Amino acid sequence: MSAPTLVAHAPGDEIVSFDHARRLAAIRPPVVELVELAGGHNDAFLAARPGYTRTLADFIERVTGGGAGHAR
């Protein structure tokens, strides 16, 4: 079974190479989105929060057909 997948990773991650995210995205089609975050390993979600939350909400809306019921 396959499911839509969002891979979010920071190229500046000093612990896990961004190449891991690229390889994961490459083997996970058909619906996969790779999002590059700002920041490093421990602060990427904080550094990229506005763009990340918008991207996550858009991804959920696309894969659920808008039926996720999330508020913006």
PDB file of N, CA and C in Angstrom:
ATOM      1  N   MET A   1       0.851  -1.167   0.000  1.00  0.00           N
ATOM      2  CA  MET A   1       0.000   0.000   0.000  1.00  0.00           C
ATOM      3  C   MET A   1       0.902   1.236   0.000  1.00  0.00           C
ATOM      4  N   SER A   2       0.476   2.275  -0.689  1.00  0.00           N
ATOM      5  CA  SER A   2       1.236   3.522  -0.677  1.00  0.00           C
ATOM      6  C   SER A   2       0.344   4.643  -0.160  1.00  0.00           C
ATOM      7  N   ALA A   3       0.980   5.629   0.374  1.00  0.00           N
ATOM      8  CA  ALA A   3       0.261   6.781   0.914  1.00  0.00           C
ATOM      9  C   ALA A   3       1.032   8.039   0.562  1.00  0.00           C
ATOM     10  N   PRO A   4       0.343   9.159   0.416  1.00  0.00           N
ATOM     11  CA  PRO A   4       1.040  10.419   0.161  1.00  0.00           C
ATOM     12  C   PRO A   4       2.052  10.685   1.275  1.00  0.00           C
ATOM     13  N   THR A   5       3.212  11.163   0.887  1.00  0.00           N
ATOM     14  CA  THR A   5       4.305  11.338   1.849  1.00  0.00           C
ATOM     15  C   THR A   5       4.908  12.724   1.717  1.00  0.00           C
ATOM     16  N   LEU A   6       5.083  13.383   2.830  1.00  0.00           N
ATOM     17  CA  LEU A   6       5.770  14.668   2.884  1.00  0.00           C
ATOM     18  C   LEU A   6       7.073  14.449   3.632  1.00  0.00           C
ATOM     19  N   VAL A   7       8.183  14.747   2.969  1.00  0.00           N
ATOM     20  CA  VAL A   7       9.499  14.635   3.584  1.00  0.00           C
ATOM     21  C   VAL A   7       9.985  16.057   3.837  1.00  0.00           C
ATOM     22  N   ALA A   8      10.191  16.410   5.090  1.00  0.00           N
ATOM     23  CA  ALA A   8      10.660  17.749   5.461  1.00  0.00           C
ATOM     24  C   ALA A   8      12.023  17.606   6.119  1.00  0.00           C
ATOM     25  N   HIS A   9      13.001  18.324   5.571  1.00  0.00           N
ATOM     26  CA  HIS A   9      14.367  18.177   6.072  1.00  0.00           C
ATOM     27  C   HIS A   9      15.134  19.459   5.796  1.00  0.00           C
ATOM     28  N   ALA A  10      16.120  19.727   6.619  1.00  0.00           N
ATOM     29  CA  ALA A  10      16.931  20.934   6.460  1.00  0.00           C
ATOM     30  C   ALA A  10      18.275  20.596   5.814  1.00  0.00           C
ATOM     31  N   PRO A  11      18.607  21.254   4.698  1.00  0.00           N
ATOM     32  CA  PRO A  11      19.923  21.039   4.105  1.00  0.00           C
ATOM     33  C   PRO A  11      21.046  21.377   5.084  1.00  0.00           C
ATOM     34  N   GLY A  12      20.770  22.237   6.054  1.00  0.00           N
ATOM     35  CA  GLY A  12      21.766  22.610   7.048  1.00  0.00           C
ATOM     36  C   GLY A  12      21.850  21.670   8.231  1.00  0.00           C
ATOM     37  N   ASP A  13      21.156  20.540   8.167  1.00  0.00           N
ATOM     38  CA  ASP A  13      21.180  19.567   9.261  1.00  0.00           C
ATOM     39  C   ASP A  13      22.609  19.058   9.431  1.00  0.00           C
ATOM     40  N   GLU A  14      23.150  19.262  10.612  1.00  0.00           N
ATOM     41  CA  GLU A  14      24.531  18.883  10.867  1.00  0.00           C
ATOM     42  C   GLU A  14      24.682  17.443  11.354  1.00  0.00           C
ATOM     43  N   ILE A  15      23.566  16.726  11.503  1.00  0.00           N
ATOM     44  CA  ILE A  15      23.617  15.344  11.976  1.00  0.00           C
ATOM     45  C   ILE A  15      23.182  14.356  10.894  1.00  0.00           C
ATOM     46  N   VAL A  16      22.053  14.639  10.246  1.00  0.00           N
ATOM     47  CA  VAL A  16      21.531  13.759   9.202  1.00  0.00           C
ATOM     48  C   VAL A  16      21.659  14.474   7.859  1.00  0.00           C
ATOM     49  N   SER A  17      22.387  13.885   6.946  1.00  0.00           N
ATOM     50  CA  SER A  17      22.631  14.488   5.642  1.00  0.00           C
ATOM     51  C   SER A  17      21.330  14.700   4.865  1.00  0.00           C
ATOM     52  N   PHE A  18      21.257  15.830   4.167  1.00  0.00           N
ATOM     53  CA  PHE A  18      20.088  16.110   3.335  1.00  0.00           C
ATOM     54  C   PHE A  18      19.937  15.063   2.236  1.00  0.00           C
ATOM     55  N   ASP A  19      21.027  14.425   1.866  1.00  0.00           N
ATOM     56  CA  ASP A  19      20.975  13.374   0.856  1.00  0.00           C
ATOM     57  C   ASP A  19      20.043  12.240   1.281  1.00  0.00           C
ATOM     58  N   HIS A  20      19.945  11.985   2.582  1.00  0.00           N
ATOM     59  CA  HIS A  20      19.010  10.955   3.072  1.00  0.00           C
ATOM     60  C   HIS A  20      17.573  11.332   2.710  1.00  0.00           C
ATOM     61  N   ALA A  21      17.225  12.592   2.851  1.00  0.00           N
ATOM     62  CA  ALA A  21      15.871  13.042   2.501  1.00  0.00           C
ATOM     63  C   ALA A  21      15.622  12.890   1.007  1.00  0.00           C
ATOM     64  N   ARG A  22      16.618  13.250   0.204  1.00  0.00           N
ATOM     65  CA  ARG A  22      16.484  13.104  -1.251  1.00  0.00           C
ATOM     66  C   ARG A  22      16.268  11.640  -1.637  1.00  0.00           C
ATOM     67  N   ARG A  23      17.059  10.754  -1.036  1.00  0.00           N
ATOM     68  CA  ARG A  23      16.923   9.331  -1.366  1.00  0.00           C
ATOM     69  C   ARG A  23      15.575   8.783  -0.904  1.00  0.00           C
ATOM     70  N   LEU A  24      15.124   9.192   0.262  1.00  0.00           N
ATOM     71  CA  LEU A  24      13.817   8.757   0.751  1.00  0.00           C
ATOM     72  C   LEU A  24      12.709   9.227  -0.184  1.00  0.00           C
ATOM     73  N   ALA A  25      12.766  10.475  -0.592  1.00  0.00           N
ATOM     74  CA  ALA A  25      11.755  11.006  -1.508  1.00  0.00           C
ATOM     75  C   ALA A  25      11.784  10.269  -2.848  1.00  0.00           C
ATOM     76  N   ALA A  26      12.965   9.895  -3.306  1.00  0.00           N
ATOM     77  CA  ALA A  26      13.094   9.219  -4.601  1.00  0.00           C
ATOM     78  C   ALA A  26      12.496   7.816  -4.602  1.00  0.00           C
ATOM     79  N   ILE A  27      12.497   7.150  -3.463  1.00  0.00           N
ATOM     80  CA  ILE A  27      11.964   5.779  -3.423  1.00  0.00           C
ATOM     81  C   ILE A  27      10.520   5.729  -2.949  1.00  0.00           C
ATOM     82  N   ARG A  28       9.901   6.879  -2.682  1.00  0.00           N
ATOM     83  CA  ARG A  28       8.577   6.907  -2.066  1.00  0.00           C
ATOM     84  C   ARG A  28       7.461   7.434  -2.953  1.00  0.00           C
ATOM     85  N   PRO A  29       7.592   7.434  -4.294  1.00  0.00           N
ATOM     86  CA  PRO A  29       6.460   7.882  -5.109  1.00  0.00           C
ATOM     87  C   PRO A  29       5.268   6.952  -4.907  1.00  0.00           C
ATOM     88  N   PRO A  30       4.087   7.259  -5.349  1.00  0.00           N
ATOM     89  CA  PRO A  30       3.771   8.237  -6.374  1.00  0.00           C
ATOM     90  C   PRO A  30       3.555   9.664  -5.862  1.00  0.00           C
ATOM     91  N   VAL A  31       3.024   9.850  -4.682  1.00  0.00           N
ATOM     92  CA  VAL A  31       2.781  11.204  -4.192  1.00  0.00           C
ATOM     93  C   VAL A  31       3.780  11.496  -3.087  1.00  0.00           C
ATOM     94  N   VAL A  32       4.797  12.254  -3.426  1.00  0.00           N
ATOM     95  CA  VAL A  32       5.799  12.605  -2.439  1.00  0.00           C
ATOM     96  C   VAL A  32       6.200  14.053  -2.671  1.00  0.00           C
ATOM     97  N   GLU A  33       6.409  14.741  -1.597  1.00  0.00           N
ATOM     98  CA  GLU A  33       6.867  16.124  -1.683  1.00  0.00           C
ATOM     99  C   GLU A  33       8.045  16.269  -0.733  1.00  0.00           C
ATOM    100  N   LEU A  34       9.127  16.847  -1.240  1.00  0.00           N
ATOM    101  CA  LEU A  34      10.310  17.097  -0.432  1.00  0.00           C
ATOM    102  C   LEU A  34      10.369  18.585  -0.143  1.00  0.00           C
ATOM    103  N   VAL A  35      10.350  18.922   1.133  1.00  0.00           N
ATOM    104  CA  VAL A  35      10.368  20.321   1.560  1.00  0.00           C
ATOM    105  C   VAL A  35      11.694  20.609   2.243  1.00  0.00           C
ATOM    106  N   GLU A  36      12.378  21.632   1.763  1.00  0.00           N
ATOM    107  CA  GLU A  36      13.637  22.051   2.370  1.00  0.00           C
ATOM    108  C   GLU A  36      13.343  23.083   3.453  1.00  0.00           C
ATOM    109  N   LEU A  37      13.785  22.782   4.664  1.00  0.00           N
ATOM    110  CA  LEU A  37      13.574  23.674   5.795  1.00  0.00           C
ATOM    111  C   LEU A  37      14.833  24.490   6.070  1.00  0.00           C
ATOM    112  N   ALA A  38      14.664  25.645   6.653  1.00  0.00           N
ATOM    113  CA  ALA A  38      15.793  26.434   7.134  1.00  0.00           C
ATOM    114  C   ALA A  38      16.251  25.842   8.460  1.00  0.00           C
ATOM    115  N   GLY A  39      17.434  26.200   8.890  1.00  0.00           N
ATOM    116  CA  GLY A  39      17.902  25.770  10.195  1.00  0.00           C
ATOM    117  C   GLY A  39      18.719  24.506  10.139  1.00  0.00           C
ATOM    118  N   GLY A  40      18.912  23.927  11.313  1.00  0.00           N
ATOM    119  CA  GLY A  40      19.720  22.728  11.451  1.00  0.00           C
ATOM    120  C   GLY A  40      18.913  21.583  12.017  1.00  0.00           C
ATOM    121  N   HIS A  41      19.604  20.597  12.556  1.00  0.00           N
ATOM    122  CA  HIS A  41      18.955  19.380  13.029  1.00  0.00           C
ATOM    123  C   HIS A  41      17.947  19.636  14.148  1.00  0.00           C
ATOM    124  N   ASN A  42      18.286  20.482  15.093  1.00  0.00           N
ATOM    125  CA  ASN A  42      17.423  20.683  16.262  1.00  0.00           C
ATOM    126  C   ASN A  42      16.506  21.893  16.187  1.00  0.00           C
ATOM    127  N   ASP A  43      16.681  22.742  15.188  1.00  0.00           N
ATOM    128  CA  ASP A  43      15.848  23.947  15.149  1.00  0.00           C
ATOM    129  C   ASP A  43      15.158  24.191  13.815  1.00  0.00           C
ATOM    130  N   ALA A  44      15.194  23.234  12.909  1.00  0.00           N
ATOM    131  CA  ALA A  44      14.625  23.446  11.576  1.00  0.00           C
ATOM    132  C   ALA A  44      13.135  23.788  11.630  1.00  0.00           C
ATOM    133  N   PHE A  45      12.380  23.079  12.445  1.00  0.00           N
ATOM    134  CA  PHE A  45      10.939  23.341  12.486  1.00  0.00           C
ATOM    135  C   PHE A  45      10.638  24.707  13.106  1.00  0.00           C
ATOM    136  N   LEU A  46      11.495  25.166  13.985  1.00  0.00           N
ATOM    137  CA  LEU A  46      11.326  26.505  14.550  1.00  0.00           C
ATOM    138  C   LEU A  46      11.757  27.573  13.556  1.00  0.00           C
ATOM    139  N   ALA A  47      12.907  27.374  12.927  1.00  0.00           N
ATOM    140  CA  ALA A  47      13.431  28.357  11.976  1.00  0.00           C
ATOM    141  C   ALA A  47      12.546  28.491  10.749  1.00  0.00           C
ATOM    142  N   ALA A  48      11.911  27.403  10.356  1.00  0.00           N
ATOM    143  CA  ALA A  48      11.099  27.399   9.136  1.00  0.00           C
ATOM    144  C   ALA A  48       9.609  27.372   9.430  1.00  0.00           C
ATOM    145  N   ARG A  49       9.218  27.656  10.653  1.00  0.00           N
ATOM    146  CA  ARG A  49       7.828  27.447  11.087  1.00  0.00           C
ATOM    147  C   ARG A  49       6.751  28.053  10.178  1.00  0.00           C
ATOM    148  N   PRO A  50       6.789  29.331   9.823  1.00  0.00           N
ATOM    149  CA  PRO A  50       5.697  29.865   8.997  1.00  0.00           C
ATOM    150  C   PRO A  50       5.551  29.140   7.655  1.00  0.00           C
ATOM    151  N   GLY A  51       6.654  28.954   6.958  1.00  0.00           N
ATOM    152  CA  GLY A  51       6.598  28.263   5.667  1.00  0.00           C
ATOM    153  C   GLY A  51       6.271  26.797   5.813  1.00  0.00           C
ATOM    154  N   TYR A  52       6.818  26.166   6.854  1.00  0.00           N
ATOM    155  CA  TYR A  52       6.563  24.749   7.078  1.00  0.00           C
ATOM    156  C   TYR A  52       5.093  24.492   7.395  1.00  0.00           C
ATOM    157  N   THR A  53       4.503  25.278   8.282  1.00  0.00           N
ATOM    158  CA  THR A  53       3.102  25.040   8.637  1.00  0.00           C
ATOM    159  C   THR A  53       2.180  25.291   7.449  1.00  0.00           C
ATOM    160  N   ARG A  54       2.500  26.285   6.637  1.00  0.00           N
ATOM    161  CA  ARG A  54       1.707  26.557   5.430  1.00  0.00           C
ATOM    162  C   ARG A  54       1.841  25.389   4.448  1.00  0.00           C
ATOM    163  N   THR A  55       3.068  24.906   4.250  1.00  0.00           N
ATOM    164  CA  THR A  55       3.312  23.782   3.344  1.00  0.00           C
ATOM    165  C   THR A  55       2.609  22.526   3.838  1.00  0.00           C
ATOM    166  N   LEU A  56       2.673  22.264   5.134  1.00  0.00           N
ATOM    167  CA  LEU A  56       2.011  21.100   5.705  1.00  0.00           C
ATOM    168  C   LEU A  56       0.499  21.183   5.522  1.00  0.00           C
ATOM    169  N   ALA A  57      -0.078  22.344   5.792  1.00  0.00           N
ATOM    170  CA  ALA A  57      -1.526  22.522   5.619  1.00  0.00           C
ATOM    171  C   ALA A  57      -1.930  22.339   4.158  1.00  0.00           C
ATOM    172  N   ASP A  58      -1.149  22.895   3.240  1.00  0.00           N
ATOM    173  CA  ASP A  58      -1.440  22.745   1.806  1.00  0.00           C
ATOM    174  C   ASP A  58      -1.349  21.281   1.374  1.00  0.00           C
ATOM    175  N   PHE A  59      -0.331  20.578   1.859  1.00  0.00           N
ATOM    176  CA  PHE A  59      -0.158  19.162   1.529  1.00  0.00           C
ATOM    177  C   PHE A  59      -1.356  18.351   2.026  1.00  0.00           C
ATOM    178  N   ILE A  60      -1.755  18.571   3.260  1.00  0.00           N
ATOM    179  CA  ILE A  60      -2.911  17.846   3.815  1.00  0.00           C
ATOM    180  C   ILE A  60      -4.167  18.143   3.015  1.00  0.00           C
ATOM    181  N   GLU A  61      -4.343  19.400   2.646  1.00  0.00           N
ATOM    182  CA  GLU A  61      -5.525  19.763   1.853  1.00  0.00           C
ATOM    183  C   GLU A  61      -5.507  19.070   0.490  1.00  0.00           C
ATOM    184  N   ARG A  62      -4.354  19.037  -0.161  1.00  0.00           N
ATOM    185  CA  ARG A  62      -4.257  18.381  -1.471  1.00  0.00           C
ATOM    186  C   ARG A  62      -4.556  16.892  -1.379  1.00  0.00           C
ATOM    187  N   VAL A  63      -3.977  16.212  -0.407  1.00  0.00           N
ATOM    188  CA  VAL A  63      -4.127  14.758  -0.360  1.00  0.00           C
ATOM    189  C   VAL A  63      -5.466  14.307   0.217  1.00  0.00           C
ATOM    190  N   THR A  64      -6.149  15.197   0.919  1.00  0.00           N
ATOM    191  CA  THR A  64      -7.461  14.824   1.454  1.00  0.00           C
ATOM    192  C   THR A  64      -8.597  15.423   0.646  1.00  0.00           C
ATOM    193  N   GLY A  65      -8.259  16.186  -0.369  1.00  0.00           N
ATOM    194  CA  GLY A  65      -9.292  16.838  -1.158  1.00  0.00           C
ATOM    195  C   GLY A  65      -9.955  17.970  -0.385  1.00  0.00           C
ATOM    196  N   GLY A  66      -9.258  18.513   0.588  1.00  0.00           N
ATOM    197  CA  GLY A  66      -9.789  19.620   1.380  1.00  0.00           C
ATOM    198  C   GLY A  66     -10.655  19.169   2.533  1.00  0.00           C
ATOM    199  N   GLY A  67     -10.719  17.863   2.767  1.00  0.00           N
ATOM    200  CA  GLY A  67     -11.604  17.343   3.796  1.00  0.00           C
ATOM    201  C   GLY A  67     -10.955  17.156   5.161  1.00  0.00           C
ATOM    202  N   ALA A  68      -9.781  17.743   5.374  1.00  0.00           N
ATOM    203  CA  ALA A  68      -9.093  17.523   6.650  1.00  0.00           C
ATOM    204  C   ALA A  68      -9.729  18.323   7.783  1.00  0.00           C
ATOM    205  N   GLY A  69     -10.478  19.363   7.434  1.00  0.00           N
ATOM    206  CA  GLY A  69     -11.159  20.142   8.454  1.00  0.00           C
ATOM    207  C   GLY A  69     -10.242  21.043   9.263  1.00  0.00           C
ATOM    208  N   HIS A  70      -9.079  21.361   8.731  1.00  0.00           N
ATOM    209  CA  HIS A  70      -8.169  22.235   9.476  1.00  0.00           C
ATOM    210  C   HIS A  70      -8.513  23.699   9.241  1.00  0.00           C
ATOM    211  N   ALA A  71      -8.272  24.495  10.223  1.00  0.00           N
ATOM    212  CA  ALA A  71      -8.527  25.925  10.117  1.00  0.00           C
ATOM    213  C   ALA A  71      -7.247  26.637   9.717  1.00  0.00           C
ATOM    214  N   ARG A  72      -7.399  27.703   8.996  1.00  0.00           N
ATOM    215  CA  ARG A  72      -6.228  28.509   8.601  1.00  0.00           C
ATOM    216  C   ARG A  72      -6.259  29.809   9.301  1.00  0.00           C
TER     217      ARG A  72
END
